[in-house]
C-alpha atoms as a PDB file:
ATOM      1  CA  UNK A   1     111.805  76.365 110.869  1.00  0.00           C
ATOM      2  CA  UNK A   2     110.475  76.563 107.108  1.00  0.00           C
ATOM      3  CA  UNK A   3     107.966  78.671 106.526  1.00  0.00           C
ATOM      4  CA  UNK A   4     105.459  77.575 103.526  1.00  0.00           C
ATOM      5  CA  UNK A   5     102.295  79.275 102.191  1.00  0.00           C
ATOM      6  CA  UNK A   6     100.268  76.728 104.464  1.00  0.00           C
ATOM      7  CA  UNK A   7     101.234  78.522 107.592  1.00  0.00           C
ATOM      8  CA  UNK A   8      98.517  81.523 108.198  1.00  0.00           C
ATOM      9  CA  UNK A   9     101.633  83.384 109.618  1.00  0.00           C
ATOM     10  CA  UNK A  10     103.148  83.220 106.569  1.00  0.00           C
ATOM     11  CA  UNK A  11     100.984  85.705 104.851  1.00  0.00           C
ATOM     12  CA  UNK A  12     100.721  87.982 107.587  1.00  0.00           C
ATOM     13  CA  UNK A  13     102.269  91.488 106.566  1.00  0.00           C
ATOM     14  CA  UNK A  14     101.958  95.341 107.831  1.00  0.00           C
ATOM     15  CA  UNK A  15     101.610  96.161 103.957  1.00  0.00           C
ATOM     16  CA  UNK A  16      98.346  94.084 104.273  1.00  0.00           C
ATOM     17  CA  UNK A  17      96.032  95.877 106.521  1.00  0.00           C
ATOM     18  CA  UNK A  18      92.712  97.709 106.879  1.00  0.00           C
ATOM     19  CA  UNK A  19      94.032 101.055 106.473  1.00  0.00           C
ATOM     20  CA  UNK A  20      96.007 100.350 102.939  1.00  0.00           C
ATOM     21  CA  UNK A  21      93.229  98.671 101.604  1.00  0.00           C
ATOM     22  CA  UNK A  22      90.772 101.684 102.150  1.00  0.00           C
ATOM     23  CA  UNK A  23      93.781 104.106 101.161  1.00  0.00           C
ATOM     24  CA  UNK A  24      94.155 102.018  97.809  1.00  0.00           C
ATOM     25  CA  UNK A  25      90.360 101.744  97.586  1.00  0.00           C
ATOM     26  CA  UNK A  26      90.504 105.600  97.611  1.00  0.00           C
ATOM     27  CA  UNK A  27      92.998 106.438  95.106  1.00  0.00           C
ATOM     28  CA  UNK A  28      91.748 103.885  92.552  1.00  0.00           C
ATOM     29  CA  UNK A  29      87.899 105.779  92.793  1.00  0.00           C
ATOM     30  CA  UNK A  30      89.628 108.611  92.491  1.00  0.00           C
ATOM     31  CA  UNK A  31      91.856 107.605  89.556  1.00  0.00           C
ATOM     32  CA  UNK A  32      89.095 105.759  87.451  1.00  0.00           C
ATOM     33  CA  UNK A  33      86.841 108.918  88.145  1.00  0.00           C
ATOM     34  CA  UNK A  34      89.204 111.233  86.651  1.00  0.00           C
ATOM     35  CA  UNK A  35      90.183 108.670  83.660  1.00  0.00           C
ATOM     36  CA  UNK A  36      86.400 108.671  82.766  1.00  0.00           C
ATOM     37  CA  UNK A  37      85.726 112.285  83.359  1.00  0.00           C
ATOM     38  CA  UNK A  38      88.560 113.540  81.059  1.00  0.00           C
ATOM     39  CA  UNK A  39      87.627 110.680  78.200  1.00  0.00           C
ATOM     40  CA  UNK A  40      83.948 112.664  77.713  1.00  0.00           C
ATOM     41  CA  UNK A  41      86.165 115.787  77.718  1.00  0.00           C
ATOM     42  CA  UNK A  42      88.374 114.526  75.092  1.00  0.00           C
ATOM     43  CA  UNK A  43      85.422 112.468  73.033  1.00  0.00           C
ATOM     44  CA  UNK A  44      83.183 115.736  73.555  1.00  0.00           C
ATOM     45  CA  UNK A  45      86.162 117.850  72.211  1.00  0.00           C
ATOM     46  CA  UNK A  46      86.792 115.811  69.472  1.00  0.00           C
ATOM     47  CA  UNK A  47      83.349 115.397  68.205  1.00  0.00           C
ATOM     48  CA  UNK A  48      81.598 118.698  68.261  1.00  0.00           C
ATOM     49  CA  UNK A  49      78.591 117.614  66.257  1.00  0.00           C
ATOM     50  CA  UNK A  50      77.188 115.753  69.548  1.00  0.00           C
ATOM     51  CA  UNK A  51      74.370 118.181  69.832  1.00  0.00           C
ATOM     52  CA  UNK A  52      73.616 121.277  67.691  1.00  0.00           C
ATOM     53  CA  UNK A  53      73.952 123.242  70.517  1.00  0.00           C
ATOM     54  CA  UNK A  54      77.833 123.148  70.792  1.00  0.00           C
ATOM     55  CA  UNK A  55      79.326 125.871  69.524  1.00  0.00           C
ATOM     56  CA  UNK A  56      82.378 125.293  67.945  1.00  0.00           C
ATOM     57  CA  UNK A  57      83.689 128.586  68.245  1.00  0.00           C
ATOM     58  CA  UNK A  58      87.021 128.504  70.473  1.00  0.00           C
ATOM     59  CA  UNK A  59      85.911 131.741  72.620  1.00  0.00           C
ATOM     60  CA  UNK A  60      82.471 130.245  73.327  1.00  0.00           C
ATOM     61  CA  UNK A  61      81.995 128.203  76.548  1.00  0.00           C
ATOM     62  CA  UNK A  62      84.638 126.285  78.597  1.00  0.00           C
ATOM     63  CA  UNK A  63      87.028 124.951  76.617  1.00  0.00           C
ATOM     64  CA  UNK A  64      85.530 126.270  73.948  1.00  0.00           C
ATOM     65  CA  UNK A  65      82.482 124.061  73.414  1.00  0.00           C
ATOM     66  CA  UNK A  66      79.327 123.101  75.525  1.00  0.00           C
ATOM     67  CA  UNK A  67      79.085 119.656  77.006  1.00  0.00           C
ATOM     68  CA  UNK A  68      76.353 117.702  75.659  1.00  0.00           C
ATOM     69  CA  UNK A  69      74.034 120.799  75.640  1.00  0.00           C
END
């Protein structure tokens, strides 16, 4: 018998489960959060004049600068 997309059984798959959806959502959440944080760190590292408190001396602060202090 030919299965078409109109048949409900056509779309059943063990990959399309609640567990996979939850894991995928968690991976995306962690990945996007990491992307956002590293973007902020990069922006602050290349723009030390964001705040006068930011010290441009390499041996001061975490990664050589103070973030948005």
